[in-house]
C-alpha atoms as a PDB file:
ATOM      1  CA  MET A   1    -121.935 147.485   5.067  1.00  0.00           C
ATOM      2  CA  TYR A   2    -125.252 146.860   6.792  1.00  0.00           C
ATOM      3  CA  GLU A   3    -127.029 146.028   3.520  1.00  0.00           C
ATOM      4  CA  THR A   4    -124.170 143.788   2.414  1.00  0.00           C
ATOM      5  CA  GLY A   5    -124.505 141.994   5.744  1.00  0.00           C
ATOM      6  CA  ASN A   6    -128.202 141.514   5.095  1.00  0.00           C
ATOM      7  CA  ASN A   7    -127.357 140.054   1.685  1.00  0.00           C
ATOM      8  CA  ILE A   8    -124.885 137.608   3.207  1.00  0.00           C
ATOM      9  CA  THR A   9    -127.518 136.477   5.715  1.00  0.00           C
ATOM     10  CA  ARG A  10    -130.199 136.183   3.008  1.00  0.00           C
ATOM     11  CA  LEU A  11    -127.961 134.241   0.622  1.00  0.00           C
ATOM     12  CA  ARG A  12    -126.789 131.938   3.404  1.00  0.00           C
ATOM     13  CA  LYS A  13    -130.392 131.111   4.298  1.00  0.00           C
ATOM     14  CA  ILE A  14    -131.491 130.689   0.651  1.00  0.00           C
ATOM     15  CA  ASN A  15    -128.724 128.127   0.268  1.00  0.00           C
ATOM     16  CA  ASN A  16    -129.738 126.363   3.494  1.00  0.00           C
ATOM     17  CA  LEU A  17    -126.333 126.953   5.068  1.00  0.00           C
ATOM     18  CA  SER A  18    -125.741 127.379   8.776  1.00  0.00           C
ATOM     19  CA  ILE A  19    -123.164 129.730  10.244  1.00  0.00           C
ATOM     20  CA  ARG A  20    -121.154 126.579  11.001  1.00  0.00           C
ATOM     21  CA  ASP A  21    -121.332 125.498   7.334  1.00  0.00           C
ATOM     22  CA  VAL A  22    -119.945 128.850   6.201  1.00  0.00           C
ATOM     23  CA  GLN A  23    -117.310 128.791   8.945  1.00  0.00           C
ATOM     24  CA  GLU A  24    -116.072 125.393   7.805  1.00  0.00           C
ATOM     25  CA  ALA A  25    -116.096 126.364   4.124  1.00  0.00           C
ATOM     26  CA  MET A  26    -114.082 129.493   4.940  1.00  0.00           C
ATOM     27  CA  GLY A  27    -111.634 127.530   7.081  1.00  0.00           C
ATOM     28  CA  PHE A  28    -112.234 129.719  10.139  1.00  0.00           C
ATOM     29  CA  ASN A  29    -111.651 128.436  13.682  1.00  0.00           C
ATOM     30  CA  THR A  30    -114.506 130.571  15.035  1.00  0.00           C
ATOM     31  CA  PRO A  31    -117.618 132.122  13.459  1.00  0.00           C
ATOM     32  CA  GLN A  32    -116.948 135.664  14.753  1.00  0.00           C
ATOM     33  CA  ALA A  33    -116.023 137.108  11.339  1.00  0.00           C
ATOM     34  CA  ILE A  34    -119.222 135.757   9.783  1.00  0.00           C
ATOM     35  CA  TYR A  35    -121.348 137.292  12.536  1.00  0.00           C
ATOM     36  CA  LYS A  36    -119.557 140.629  12.009  1.00  0.00           C
ATOM     37  CA  TRP A  37    -120.234 140.489   8.277  1.00  0.00           C
ATOM     38  CA  GLN A  38    -123.914 139.711   8.854  1.00  0.00           C
ATOM     39  CA  ARG A  39    -124.284 142.585  11.323  1.00  0.00           C
ATOM     40  CA  GLY A  40    -122.544 144.973   8.929  1.00  0.00           C
ATOM     41  CA  GLU A  41    -119.668 145.594  11.335  1.00  0.00           C
ATOM     42  CA  ALA A  42    -117.025 144.387   8.869  1.00  0.00           C
ATOM     43  CA  MET A  43    -116.674 143.500   5.205  1.00  0.00           C
ATOM     44  CA  PRO A  44    -115.259 140.237   3.859  1.00  0.00           C
ATOM     45  CA  SER A  45    -111.891 140.514   2.128  1.00  0.00           C
ATOM     46  CA  ILE A  46    -111.794 139.941  -1.619  1.00  0.00           C
ATOM     47  CA  ASP A  47    -110.494 136.413  -1.014  1.00  0.00           C
ATOM     48  CA  ASN A  48    -113.416 135.727   1.315  1.00  0.00           C
ATOM     49  CA  LEU A  49    -115.886 137.243  -1.152  1.00  0.00           C
ATOM     50  CA  ILE A  50    -114.646 134.829  -3.806  1.00  0.00           C
ATOM     51  CA  VAL A  51    -115.277 131.869  -1.489  1.00  0.00           C
ATOM     52  CA  LEU A  52    -118.697 133.247  -0.488  1.00  0.00           C
ATOM     53  CA  SER A  53    -119.703 133.739  -4.122  1.00  0.00           C
ATOM     54  CA  GLU A  54    -118.814 130.112  -4.882  1.00  0.00           C
ATOM     55  CA  LEU A  55    -120.534 128.887  -1.731  1.00  0.00           C
ATOM     56  CA  PHE A  56    -123.700 130.876  -2.501  1.00  0.00           C
ATOM     57  CA  ASN A  57    -123.493 130.115  -6.241  1.00  0.00           C
ATOM     58  CA  THR A  58    -123.693 133.797  -7.138  1.00  0.00           C
ATOM     59  CA  SER A  59    -121.465 136.662  -8.224  1.00  0.00           C
ATOM     60  CA  ILE A  60    -119.586 138.978  -5.895  1.00  0.00           C
ATOM     61  CA  ASP A  61    -121.711 141.816  -7.310  1.00  0.00           C
ATOM     62  CA  GLU A  62    -124.808 140.080  -5.938  1.00  0.00           C
ATOM     63  CA  ILE A  63    -123.261 140.000  -2.443  1.00  0.00           C
ATOM     64  CA  ILE A  64    -121.949 143.555  -2.168  1.00  0.00           C
ATOM     65  CA  VAL A  65    -124.359 146.470  -1.900  1.00  0.00           C
ATOM     66  CA  LYS A  66    -122.786 149.601  -3.293  1.00  0.00           C
ATOM     67  CA  GLU A  67    -123.677 153.020  -1.904  1.00  0.00           C
ATOM     68  CA  LYS A  68    -125.796 155.112  -4.241  1.00  0.00           C
END
C-alpha cells in the first residue's frame, strides 16, 4: 500500500493537481481519504481507482503496485 500511495502522490504532482483538485474530482467533502491513500494507510476502492486513472490519464495498473 505504501508504494501505491507513493504512486498516487507522484502521479498527482506530474499532473499538476493539488489535493483539493483530486478531492473535488472525487466528490469528497474532505481530503482525508486522499491523504490516507498517499500515506499508504488505505487503498482506493475500484470505483475510486477508475476516477483516479482518468484524472491522471493513466491505467489502473500504473497506479497500483503489486507485491512481488
